[in-house]
Protein backbone atom coordinates (compact mmCIF):
# COMPACT_ATOMS: atom_id res chain seq x y z
CA MET A 1 1.11 -11.56 23.29
CA ASN A 2 3.43 -12.05 26.21
CA HIS A 3 4.57 -8.63 27.34
CA ASP A 4 7.92 -10.13 28.41
CA THR A 5 8.65 -10.77 24.72
CA LEU A 6 8.72 -7.02 24.10
CA LYS A 7 10.53 -6.10 27.33
CA PRO A 8 14.08 -6.20 25.91
CA LEU A 9 13.09 -3.87 23.07
CA LEU A 10 11.17 -1.58 25.41
CA ASP A 11 14.17 -1.44 27.75
CA ILE A 12 16.45 -0.48 24.84
CA MET A 13 14.07 2.24 23.69
CA HIS A 14 13.72 3.65 27.23
CA GLN A 15 17.52 3.77 27.47
CA LEU A 16 17.84 5.47 24.08
CA ARG A 17 15.29 8.09 25.15
CA SER A 18 16.92 8.69 28.54
CA ALA A 19 19.11 11.67 29.40
CA GLU A 20 22.18 9.45 28.99
CA GLY A 21 20.87 7.95 25.74
CA CYS A 22 20.96 8.98 22.09
CA PRO A 23 20.44 12.68 21.18
CA TRP A 24 18.67 11.74 17.92
CA ASP A 25 16.29 9.28 19.58
CA ARG A 26 15.44 11.81 22.31
CA GLU A 27 14.46 14.39 19.70
CA GLN A 28 11.91 12.20 17.91
CA THR A 29 8.16 12.78 18.08
CA HIS A 30 5.10 11.01 16.68
CA GLU A 31 5.25 13.44 13.76
CA SER A 32 8.97 13.06 13.01
CA LEU A 33 8.68 9.25 13.02
CA ARG A 34 5.79 9.22 10.55
CA PRO A 35 7.87 8.64 7.36
CA PHE A 36 9.83 5.80 8.95
CA ALA A 37 6.73 3.69 9.61
CA ILE A 38 5.73 4.08 5.96
CA GLU A 39 9.23 3.21 4.72
CA GLU A 40 9.52 0.15 6.98
CA SER A 41 6.12 -1.13 5.80
CA TYR A 42 7.31 -1.02 2.19
CA GLU A 43 10.51 -2.85 3.13
CA VAL A 44 8.44 -5.60 4.77
CA ALA A 45 6.43 -5.87 1.55
CA GLU A 46 9.62 -6.09 -0.52
CA ALA A 47 10.95 -8.92 1.65
CA VAL A 48 7.68 -10.80 1.15
CA ASP A 49 7.79 -10.24 -2.61
CA ASN A 50 11.37 -11.53 -2.71
CA HIS A 51 10.46 -14.60 -0.61
CA ASP A 52 13.42 -13.64 1.59
CA LEU A 53 12.59 -14.94 5.06
CA SER A 54 15.80 -13.66 6.63
CA ALA A 55 15.08 -10.16 5.34
CA LEU A 56 11.45 -10.51 6.44
CA VAL A 57 12.51 -11.21 10.03
CA ASP A 58 14.82 -8.19 9.92
CA GLU A 59 12.23 -5.84 8.38
CA LEU A 60 9.46 -6.97 10.73
CA GLY A 61 11.81 -6.12 13.59
CA ASP A 62 12.34 -2.64 12.14
CA LEU A 63 8.58 -2.18 11.81
CA LEU A 64 8.05 -3.38 15.38
CA LEU A 65 10.67 -0.88 16.50
CA GLN A 66 8.49 1.90 15.11
CA VAL A 67 5.50 0.63 17.12
CA VAL A 68 7.59 0.49 20.31
CA PHE A 69 9.09 3.92 19.59
CA HIS A 70 5.63 5.50 19.37
CA ALA A 71 4.48 3.64 22.48
CA VAL A 72 7.44 4.88 24.56
CA ILE A 73 6.86 8.46 23.40
CA GLY A 74 3.17 8.03 24.24
CA GLU A 75 4.08 6.77 27.69
CA GLU A 76 6.44 9.71 28.31
CA ASN A 77 3.71 12.16 27.31
CA ALA A 78 1.11 10.32 29.44
CA GLU A 79 -0.86 9.60 26.25
CA PHE A 80 -0.81 5.78 26.03
CA SER A 81 1.50 2.83 26.67
CA MET A 82 2.58 -0.37 24.93
CA GLU A 83 0.04 -2.19 27.07
CA ASP A 84 -2.69 0.08 25.65
CA VAL A 85 -1.60 -0.66 22.09
CA VAL A 86 -1.60 -4.44 22.64
CA ALA A 87 -4.88 -4.37 24.56
CA ALA A 88 -6.58 -2.29 21.86
CA VAL A 89 -5.64 -4.62 19.01
CA CYS A 90 -6.48 -7.76 21.03
CA THR A 91 -9.92 -6.37 21.86
CA LYS A 92 -10.49 -5.41 18.23
CA MET A 93 -9.46 -8.83 16.89
CA GLN A 94 -11.70 -10.66 19.33
CA ARG A 95 -14.62 -8.35 18.54
CA ARG A 96 -14.18 -8.77 14.78
CA HIS A 97 -13.91 -12.59 14.99
CA PRO A 98 -17.12 -13.63 16.75
CA HIS A 99 -17.04 -16.90 14.77
CA VAL A 100 -13.89 -17.77 16.77
CA PHE A 101 -14.38 -16.03 20.11
CA ALA A 102 -18.20 -16.08 20.33
CA GLU A 103 -21.14 -18.10 18.98
CA THR A 104 -21.41 -16.72 15.44
CA HIS A 105 -21.07 -19.24 12.61
CA VAL A 106 -19.56 -18.67 9.15
CA ASP A 107 -18.97 -21.14 6.31
CA ASN A 108 -16.30 -19.44 4.20
CA SER A 109 -13.93 -16.49 3.78
CA ALA A 110 -16.53 -14.43 1.92
CA GLN A 111 -18.84 -14.60 4.93
CA VAL A 112 -15.94 -13.69 7.22
CA LEU A 113 -15.23 -10.57 5.15
CA ALA A 114 -18.90 -9.58 5.06
CA GLN A 115 -19.10 -10.02 8.83
CA TRP A 116 -15.89 -8.00 9.26
CA GLU A 117 -17.33 -5.08 7.29
CA ALA A 118 -20.61 -5.24 9.23
CA ILE A 119 -18.74 -5.10 12.54
CA LYS A 120 -16.61 -2.20 11.32
CA ALA A 121 -19.81 -0.36 10.37
CA LEU A 122 -21.16 -0.89 13.90
CA GLU A 123 -17.92 0.44 15.35
CA ARG A 124 -18.32 3.61 13.29
CA LYS A 125 -22.03 4.14 13.97
CA ASP A 126 -21.41 6.63 16.79
CA LYS A 127 -18.82 8.55 14.81
CA PRO A 128 -20.08 11.42 12.63
CA LYS A 129 -20.02 10.39 8.97
CA GLU A 130 -19.73 13.08 6.32
CA SER A 131 -19.46 10.88 3.25
CA ALA A 132 -19.65 7.30 1.99
CA LEU A 133 -15.97 7.80 1.14
CA ASP A 134 -14.92 8.33 4.76
CA GLY A 135 -12.14 6.07 5.95
CA VAL A 136 -9.83 6.25 2.94
CA THR A 137 -6.51 7.42 4.37
CA LYS A 138 -5.25 10.42 2.42
CA ASN A 139 -1.63 9.25 2.46
CA LEU A 140 -2.24 5.88 0.81
CA PRO A 141 -0.40 5.25 -2.47
CA ALA A 142 -2.49 6.77 -5.26
CA LEU A 143 -3.46 3.48 -6.93
CA MET A 144 -4.52 1.94 -3.63
CA ALA A 145 -6.50 5.06 -2.67
CA ALA A 146 -8.28 5.11 -6.05
CA ASN A 147 -9.25 1.46 -5.64
CA LYS A 148 -10.64 2.06 -2.14
CA LEU A 149 -12.54 5.19 -3.20
CA GLN A 150 -14.16 3.34 -6.11
CA SER A 151 -15.05 0.36 -3.92
CA LYS A 152 -16.73 2.61 -1.34
CA ALA A 153 -18.65 4.48 -4.04
CA ALA A 154 -19.77 1.14 -5.51
CA LYS A 155 -21.22 0.08 -2.14
CA VAL A 156 -23.76 2.91 -2.35
CA GLY A 157 -24.64 2.13 -5.97
CA PHE A 158 -22.33 4.55 -7.83
CA ASP A 159 -20.80 2.03 -10.22
CA TRP A 160 -20.98 0.77 -13.78
CA PRO A 161 -23.46 -2.09 -14.20
CA THR A 162 -20.95 -4.02 -16.32
CA VAL A 163 -17.27 -3.81 -17.23
CA GLN A 164 -18.24 -2.42 -20.65
CA GLY A 165 -18.89 0.93 -19.00
CA VAL A 166 -15.29 0.97 -17.80
CA TRP A 167 -13.94 0.18 -21.27
CA ASP A 168 -16.05 3.01 -22.70
CA LYS A 169 -14.77 5.36 -19.99
CA LEU A 170 -11.17 4.52 -20.86
CA GLU A 171 -11.85 5.37 -24.52
CA GLU A 172 -13.49 8.63 -23.45
CA GLU A 173 -10.52 9.59 -21.27
CA LYS A 174 -8.10 8.69 -24.07
CA ALA A 175 -9.96 11.04 -26.43
CA GLU A 176 -9.83 13.82 -23.84
CA ILE A 177 -6.05 13.40 -23.44
CA LEU A 178 -5.63 13.75 -27.21
CA GLU A 179 -7.89 16.81 -27.22
CA ALA A 180 -5.83 18.46 -24.44
CA LEU A 181 -2.61 17.65 -26.31
CA GLN A 182 -3.93 19.21 -29.51
CA ALA A 183 -4.88 22.33 -27.53
CA GLU A 184 -1.35 22.37 -26.03
CA GLN A 185 -2.79 22.75 -22.51
CA GLN A 186 -0.31 21.00 -20.22
CA GLU A 187 -2.41 21.36 -17.07
CA ALA A 188 -5.35 19.80 -18.88
CA VAL A 189 -3.10 17.00 -20.14
CA GLU A 190 -2.07 16.20 -16.57
CA GLU A 191 -5.69 16.22 -15.41
CA GLU A 192 -6.86 13.96 -18.23
CA VAL A 193 -3.98 11.52 -17.74
CA GLY A 194 -5.01 11.36 -14.09
CA ASP A 195 -8.59 10.59 -15.13
CA PHE A 196 -7.31 7.88 -17.49
CA LEU A 197 -5.28 6.26 -14.70
CA PHE A 198 -8.29 6.45 -12.36
CA ALA A 199 -10.40 4.66 -14.98
CA ALA A 200 -7.65 2.05 -15.40
CA VAL A 201 -7.79 1.35 -11.66
CA ASN A 202 -11.54 0.90 -12.03
CA LEU A 203 -10.92 -1.69 -14.75
CA ALA A 204 -8.58 -3.55 -12.41
CA ARG A 205 -11.27 -3.53 -9.72
CA PHE A 206 -13.86 -4.96 -12.11
CA LEU A 207 -11.41 -7.68 -13.14
CA HIS A 208 -10.60 -8.51 -9.48
CA VAL A 209 -6.99 -7.37 -9.82
CA GLU A 210 -5.26 -5.43 -7.03
CA PRO A 211 -3.82 -2.47 -9.01
CA GLU A 212 -0.91 -1.68 -6.68
CA SER A 213 0.36 -5.27 -6.86
CA ALA A 214 -0.23 -5.47 -10.60
CA LEU A 215 1.78 -2.31 -11.28
CA LEU A 216 4.53 -3.43 -8.91
CA LYS A 217 4.86 -6.69 -10.87
CA ALA A 218 4.87 -4.76 -14.14
CA ASN A 219 7.64 -2.51 -12.78
CA GLN A 220 9.72 -5.50 -11.75
CA LYS A 221 9.15 -7.20 -15.12
CA PHE A 222 10.25 -4.09 -16.99
CA LYS A 223 13.30 -3.70 -14.75
CA SER A 224 14.44 -7.31 -15.19
CA ARG A 225 13.94 -7.18 -18.98
CA PHE A 226 15.73 -3.85 -19.31
CA ILE A 227 18.73 -5.08 -17.31
CA ALA A 228 18.77 -8.25 -19.43
CA MET A 229 18.83 -6.07 -22.57
CA GLU A 230 21.81 -4.13 -21.25
CA LYS A 231 23.65 -7.38 -20.47
CA LEU A 232 22.85 -8.80 -23.89
CA ALA A 233 24.16 -5.67 -25.57
CA LYS A 234 27.34 -5.84 -23.51
CA GLN A 235 27.83 -9.51 -24.43
CA ASN A 236 27.72 -8.43 -28.08
CA GLN A 237 30.25 -5.60 -27.50
CA MET A 238 27.54 -2.94 -27.98
CA ASP A 239 26.93 0.24 -25.98
CA PHE A 240 23.21 0.02 -25.26
CA SER A 241 22.82 3.79 -24.88
CA LYS A 242 24.19 4.35 -28.39
CA LEU A 243 21.88 1.89 -30.13
CA ASN A 244 18.95 3.26 -32.09
CA LEU A 245 15.40 2.43 -31.06
CA GLU A 246 15.06 -0.32 -33.68
CA GLN A 247 18.18 -2.08 -32.36
CA GLN A 248 17.02 -1.70 -28.76
CA GLU A 249 13.61 -3.10 -29.68
CA ALA A 250 15.30 -6.12 -31.28
CA LEU A 251 17.10 -6.80 -27.99
CA TRP A 252 13.81 -6.36 -26.12
CA GLN A 253 12.16 -9.01 -28.28
CA GLN A 254 15.10 -11.39 -27.73
CA VAL A 255 14.83 -10.97 -23.98
CA LYS A 256 11.04 -11.53 -24.05
CA LYS A 257 11.51 -14.88 -25.80
CA HIS A 258 13.63 -16.09 -22.90
């Protein structure tokens, strides 16, 4: 990366953080900026999902702003600079791609991924390891975290031999939800529903489905169908909220056909 490409943005951020700059920007810290990086990442993902290239450019800029913001704060605190951030990721990418930057040979993407994991393991060898589950960020979305935890456990042999075990586990968790409901134990119901969802993520993993993306698509499908139902009701001079469930279901089936 040419550092000059980032210079205009760095100059703006230095000005915003200066004594004559913006009071809000001057007050920010690594900790206060934390939620913004998460939010901007999701907005990048939304632009990708919508195939909106104009929005993608805009959202990538907002995400880059967060990187620059942290780098300028790091520089002010004599912690690190933008140059350190760029150098670190360049070094990492070259180290993890020996088939491009060194003499290693790979034939396909599967071998690239295996090599990537092996290199990551070497990078961690000098770091104390408490568990095979180390490295799963605690603030990941729950579905994504569950998928990563299960994948790491599977790498050390803690996994069902076939998908049938997952189906059986889902039936077991379903029975335990019903048992907790019959006992009218709300805390137990919550726990068992959580176990059921965890098992559902395991099913997705066995079927090579990324659960976060699958649920996102299901959410969007439900949203589009529901809005279509409301529009259909309005076209027929009906108040959707006053329809009974049977009438609403009839609209749902109409929308599904189209």
